[in-house]
């Protein structure tokens, strides 16, 4: 099992979480789909649940709330990028043209976090680890395996994430519409153009979870009330599908190939 034992380098996706209108329903859905074990957490953390796979932290699921008089936030998966200094990263995000949605805050003794949007509108989180480093298991069935930026301005995204996090955007050879995101020379995610998404799709980060069988997992999503956004298909990295859970949060599933 690929267990994470070293700190995530700055700019590396280190965690994903979901803020759901019905937290318990989301916990039940992802338990049945990925085998996660999680329950509503302590009140001091707003009931936030850390879901575990084989005893290791895999992802978070919380309850979506909004200030009185404000619309409820959308139910979406949020990708968090690692940092060793959340305040300095917040300053760099603002200087690079990003927008703060939730400024730096302490999360007990676990770490520090903030939520922001890049200049193209993609929302992401930032996590500075203290007692909690982020995902403890990756790249195995049921765990996070890839984070992908969908944007209409690769040049702008390259400049922003480079300045704020030191992430390099490297074009994939032979594919003019896909870029690898690299930190310290190591691939940590990808980027693609919004023109490949359905019309009207806003800029966003898409979370990929590994599965043993994409077709079977897609059937499970539908059986439990979810929907299919892109039916299973083969591509360079393996076989994948894009789906949405019963509360309309989109995510991707992939069975990785030899690459």
Protein backbone atom coordinates (compact mmCIF):
# COMPACT_ATOMS: atom_id res chain seq x y z
CA UNK A 1 0.00 0.00 0.00
CA UNK A 2 1.55 3.38 -1.05
CA UNK A 3 1.62 5.08 2.37
CA UNK A 4 2.97 8.62 2.55
CA UNK A 5 5.79 8.88 5.09
CA UNK A 6 7.54 12.11 4.06
CA UNK A 7 6.24 15.72 4.01
CA UNK A 8 4.60 16.98 0.84
CA UNK A 9 6.69 19.51 -1.04
CA UNK A 10 5.25 22.99 -1.53
CA UNK A 11 2.89 23.03 -4.51
CA UNK A 12 2.09 19.31 -4.34
CA UNK A 13 -1.60 18.36 -4.03
CA UNK A 14 -1.74 16.87 -0.54
CA UNK A 15 -5.43 16.58 0.35
CA UNK A 16 -8.95 16.75 -1.05
CA UNK A 17 -12.22 17.36 0.71
CA UNK A 18 -15.91 17.66 0.00
CA UNK A 19 -18.36 20.04 1.63
CA UNK A 20 -21.75 18.34 1.24
CA UNK A 21 -25.28 19.53 1.94
CA UNK A 22 -25.99 16.09 3.45
CA UNK A 23 -22.76 15.00 5.11
CA UNK A 24 -24.01 11.60 6.28
CA UNK A 25 -25.35 10.73 2.83
CA UNK A 26 -21.96 11.61 1.33
CA UNK A 27 -20.14 9.49 3.92
CA UNK A 28 -22.43 6.55 3.06
CA UNK A 29 -21.99 6.98 -0.70
CA UNK A 30 -18.18 7.07 -0.66
CA UNK A 31 -18.04 4.20 1.85
CA UNK A 32 -19.98 2.05 -0.62
CA UNK A 33 -17.94 3.27 -3.61
CA UNK A 34 -14.37 3.39 -2.28
CA UNK A 35 -14.52 1.51 1.01
CA UNK A 36 -13.78 4.60 3.10
CA UNK A 37 -14.43 4.52 6.82
CA UNK A 38 -15.49 7.85 8.31
CA UNK A 39 -17.97 9.38 10.68
CA UNK A 40 -19.13 12.85 11.64
CA UNK A 41 -16.30 14.45 13.58
CA UNK A 42 -16.15 16.60 16.74
CA UNK A 43 -18.16 19.80 16.97
CA UNK A 44 -15.01 21.88 17.49
CA UNK A 45 -14.11 21.11 13.86
CA UNK A 46 -17.64 21.59 12.55
CA UNK A 47 -18.23 17.84 12.37
CA UNK A 48 -15.55 17.46 9.68
CA UNK A 49 -14.89 13.78 8.95
CA UNK A 50 -11.51 12.36 7.98
CA UNK A 51 -12.27 9.30 5.86
CA UNK A 52 -9.78 6.46 6.08
CA UNK A 53 -8.76 3.67 3.74
CA UNK A 54 -7.04 0.72 5.42
CA UNK A 55 -6.47 2.94 8.44
CA UNK A 56 -4.83 5.78 6.52
CA UNK A 57 -6.33 9.24 5.92
CA UNK A 58 -7.73 9.33 2.37
CA UNK A 59 -10.01 12.40 2.10
CA UNK A 60 -12.25 14.71 4.10
CA UNK A 61 -16.03 15.17 4.04
CA UNK A 62 -17.67 18.05 5.86
CA UNK A 63 -21.02 19.75 6.10
CA UNK A 64 -21.58 22.70 3.75
CA UNK A 65 -22.67 25.79 5.61
CA UNK A 66 -23.12 29.41 4.59
CA UNK A 67 -23.48 32.64 6.59
CA UNK A 68 -27.07 33.67 7.19
CA UNK A 69 -28.59 35.27 4.11
CA UNK A 70 -25.93 33.85 1.78
CA UNK A 71 -26.52 31.09 -0.79
CA UNK A 72 -25.34 27.59 0.04
CA UNK A 73 -21.92 26.81 -1.47
CA UNK A 74 -21.76 24.29 -4.32
CA UNK A 75 -20.99 20.69 -3.45
CA UNK A 76 -17.56 20.16 -5.00
CA UNK A 77 -14.27 18.43 -4.26
CA UNK A 78 -11.50 20.88 -3.33
CA UNK A 79 -7.82 20.13 -3.99
CA UNK A 80 -5.31 21.41 -1.42
CA UNK A 81 -1.75 22.36 -2.32
CA UNK A 82 0.95 21.92 0.28
CA UNK A 83 3.01 24.73 1.75
CA UNK A 84 5.44 25.16 4.61
CA UNK A 85 4.23 28.71 5.32
CA UNK A 86 0.54 29.44 4.77
CA UNK A 87 0.86 33.17 5.43
CA UNK A 88 3.69 33.60 2.94
CA UNK A 89 1.77 31.58 0.37
CA UNK A 90 -1.33 33.70 0.94
CA UNK A 91 0.73 36.82 0.29
CA UNK A 92 2.16 35.23 -2.88
CA UNK A 93 -1.33 34.26 -4.10
CA UNK A 94 -2.57 37.82 -3.74
CA UNK A 95 0.55 39.25 -5.35
CA UNK A 96 0.11 36.87 -8.31
CA UNK A 97 -3.48 37.99 -8.90
CA UNK A 98 -5.41 35.34 -6.99
CA UNK A 99 -8.49 35.96 -4.84
CA UNK A 100 -8.80 34.98 -1.19
CA UNK A 101 -12.05 33.20 -0.31
CA UNK A 102 -11.06 32.18 3.24
CA UNK A 103 -7.88 33.72 4.68
CA UNK A 104 -5.30 31.81 6.69
CA UNK A 105 -6.74 30.13 9.76
CA UNK A 106 -5.49 27.64 12.33
CA UNK A 107 -7.14 24.23 12.41
CA UNK A 108 -6.45 23.26 15.99
CA UNK A 109 -3.02 21.67 16.24
CA UNK A 110 -3.45 19.94 12.88
CA UNK A 111 -2.18 22.75 10.66
CA UNK A 112 -3.10 25.99 8.92
CA UNK A 113 -5.22 26.45 5.84
CA UNK A 114 -6.71 28.95 3.42
CA UNK A 115 -8.97 28.80 0.36
CA UNK A 116 -8.40 30.91 -2.75
CA UNK A 117 -9.18 31.15 -6.45
CA UNK A 118 -6.64 31.60 -9.21
CA UNK A 119 -7.07 34.46 -11.73
CA UNK A 120 -9.10 32.17 -14.02
CA UNK A 121 -11.52 31.28 -11.20
CA UNK A 122 -10.36 27.79 -10.20
CA UNK A 123 -10.86 27.33 -6.45
CA UNK A 124 -8.23 25.49 -4.42
CA UNK A 125 -7.11 25.12 -0.84
CA UNK A 126 -3.68 25.49 0.76
CA UNK A 127 -2.52 23.32 3.66
CA UNK A 128 0.40 23.88 6.01
CA UNK A 129 0.92 20.70 7.99
CA UNK A 130 1.61 20.64 11.71
CA UNK A 131 0.24 17.45 13.29
CA UNK A 132 -1.62 16.37 10.13
CA UNK A 133 0.26 16.10 6.85
CA UNK A 134 -2.63 15.30 4.49
CA UNK A 135 -3.42 12.15 2.56
CA UNK A 136 -1.67 9.17 4.12
CA UNK A 137 -2.45 6.82 1.25
CA UNK A 138 -2.44 7.53 -2.50
CA UNK A 139 -2.26 5.75 -5.86
CA UNK A 140 -4.17 2.62 -4.86
CA UNK A 141 -7.83 1.66 -5.40
CA UNK A 142 -10.03 3.92 -3.32
CA UNK A 143 -7.37 6.60 -2.88
CA UNK A 144 -6.54 9.90 -4.52
CA UNK A 145 -4.22 9.46 -7.48
CA UNK A 146 -4.25 12.69 -9.56
CA UNK A 147 -5.34 16.33 -9.44
CA UNK A 148 -6.05 18.15 -12.69
CA UNK A 149 -6.52 21.83 -13.41
CA UNK A 150 -9.09 22.75 -16.08
CA UNK A 151 -8.48 26.29 -17.32
CA UNK A 152 -9.08 28.55 -20.32
CA UNK A 153 -5.70 30.27 -19.94
CA UNK A 154 -2.69 27.98 -19.64
CA UNK A 155 -0.31 30.93 -19.91
CA UNK A 156 -2.02 32.72 -17.05
CA UNK A 157 -2.18 29.55 -14.96
CA UNK A 158 1.50 28.84 -15.60
CA UNK A 159 2.45 32.30 -14.40
CA UNK A 160 0.16 32.20 -11.33
CA UNK A 161 1.04 28.76 -9.98
CA UNK A 162 4.69 29.27 -10.80
CA UNK A 163 4.83 32.51 -8.83
CA UNK A 164 2.67 31.36 -5.92
CA UNK A 165 3.90 27.76 -5.53
CA UNK A 166 6.89 27.16 -7.79
CA UNK A 167 4.92 24.68 -9.92
CA UNK A 168 6.22 24.07 -13.44
CA UNK A 169 3.81 23.43 -16.34
CA UNK A 170 5.44 21.06 -18.83
CA UNK A 171 3.67 20.23 -22.13
CA UNK A 172 3.14 16.52 -22.67
CA UNK A 173 5.06 15.46 -25.76
CA UNK A 174 2.78 14.92 -28.74
CA UNK A 175 -0.26 16.35 -26.95
CA UNK A 176 -0.77 20.09 -27.32
CA UNK A 177 -3.70 20.17 -24.90
CA UNK A 178 -2.21 18.55 -21.80
CA UNK A 179 0.46 19.68 -19.37
CA UNK A 180 2.13 17.93 -16.46
CA UNK A 181 2.47 19.92 -13.26
CA UNK A 182 5.88 19.32 -11.74
CA UNK A 183 7.37 20.13 -8.36
CA UNK A 184 11.08 19.56 -8.01
CA UNK A 185 11.05 17.85 -11.39
CA UNK A 186 8.46 15.28 -10.30
CA UNK A 187 4.95 15.09 -11.84
CA UNK A 188 2.31 15.89 -9.21
CA UNK A 189 -0.74 16.70 -11.35
CA UNK A 190 -1.96 17.83 -14.74
CA UNK A 191 -3.64 20.65 -16.59
CA UNK A 192 -5.95 20.73 -19.59
CA UNK A 193 -8.04 23.26 -21.51
CA UNK A 194 -11.63 24.03 -20.61
CA UNK A 195 -12.60 23.64 -24.26
CA UNK A 196 -12.49 19.89 -23.64
CA UNK A 197 -15.29 20.23 -21.04
CA UNK A 198 -19.01 20.74 -21.73
CA UNK A 199 -19.87 24.34 -22.71
CA UNK A 200 -20.34 26.59 -19.72
CA UNK A 201 -18.12 24.57 -17.37
CA UNK A 202 -16.20 26.97 -15.10
CA UNK A 203 -12.47 26.68 -14.44
CA UNK A 204 -11.84 24.08 -11.76
CA UNK A 205 -9.62 21.42 -10.23
CA UNK A 206 -10.74 17.83 -10.82
CA UNK A 207 -9.89 15.06 -8.33
CA UNK A 208 -9.08 11.57 -9.64
CA UNK A 209 -9.52 8.46 -7.50
CA UNK A 210 -8.00 5.10 -8.41
CA UNK A 211 -10.27 2.06 -8.81
CA UNK A 212 -9.80 -1.59 -9.76
CA UNK A 213 -12.51 -1.56 -12.42
CA UNK A 214 -13.76 1.71 -13.91
CA UNK A 215 -16.82 0.20 -15.56
CA UNK A 216 -17.97 -1.55 -12.40
CA UNK A 217 -17.30 1.54 -10.27
CA UNK A 218 -19.31 3.67 -12.72
CA UNK A 219 -22.23 1.25 -12.41
CA UNK A 220 -21.96 1.56 -8.61
CA UNK A 221 -22.12 5.37 -8.85
CA UNK A 222 -25.34 5.16 -10.89
CA UNK A 223 -26.84 2.47 -8.63
CA UNK A 224 -26.35 4.72 -5.62
CA UNK A 225 -27.91 7.80 -7.21
CA UNK A 226 -24.98 9.44 -8.95
CA UNK A 227 -24.65 10.36 -12.61
CA UNK A 228 -22.18 9.83 -15.45
CA UNK A 229 -20.56 12.89 -17.06
CA UNK A 230 -18.12 10.99 -19.30
CA UNK A 231 -18.60 7.26 -19.78
CA UNK A 232 -15.58 4.95 -19.28
CA UNK A 233 -12.97 5.36 -21.99
CA UNK A 234 -9.36 4.39 -22.62
CA UNK A 235 -6.61 7.00 -22.68
CA UNK A 236 -2.83 7.20 -22.35
CA UNK A 237 -2.69 6.75 -18.57
CA UNK A 238 -5.33 4.02 -18.33
CA UNK A 239 -9.11 3.71 -18.37
CA UNK A 240 -11.19 6.45 -16.77
CA UNK A 241 -14.63 7.98 -16.33
CA UNK A 242 -15.95 11.28 -14.99
CA UNK A 243 -18.99 11.06 -12.72
CA UNK A 244 -20.93 13.06 -10.15
CA UNK A 245 -22.12 11.87 -6.78
CA UNK A 246 -25.82 12.09 -5.76
CA UNK A 247 -25.24 15.67 -4.57
CA UNK A 248 -23.73 16.60 -7.97
CA UNK A 249 -20.07 16.80 -6.92
CA UNK A 250 -17.98 15.82 -9.99
CA UNK A 251 -14.88 13.64 -9.78
CA UNK A 252 -12.94 11.22 -11.95
CA UNK A 253 -12.14 7.54 -11.49
CA UNK A 254 -9.24 5.81 -13.19
CA UNK A 255 -7.65 2.39 -13.43
CA UNK A 256 -4.03 3.21 -14.05
CA UNK A 257 -2.21 1.48 -16.87
CA UNK A 258 1.47 0.38 -16.84
CA UNK A 259 2.57 3.99 -17.35
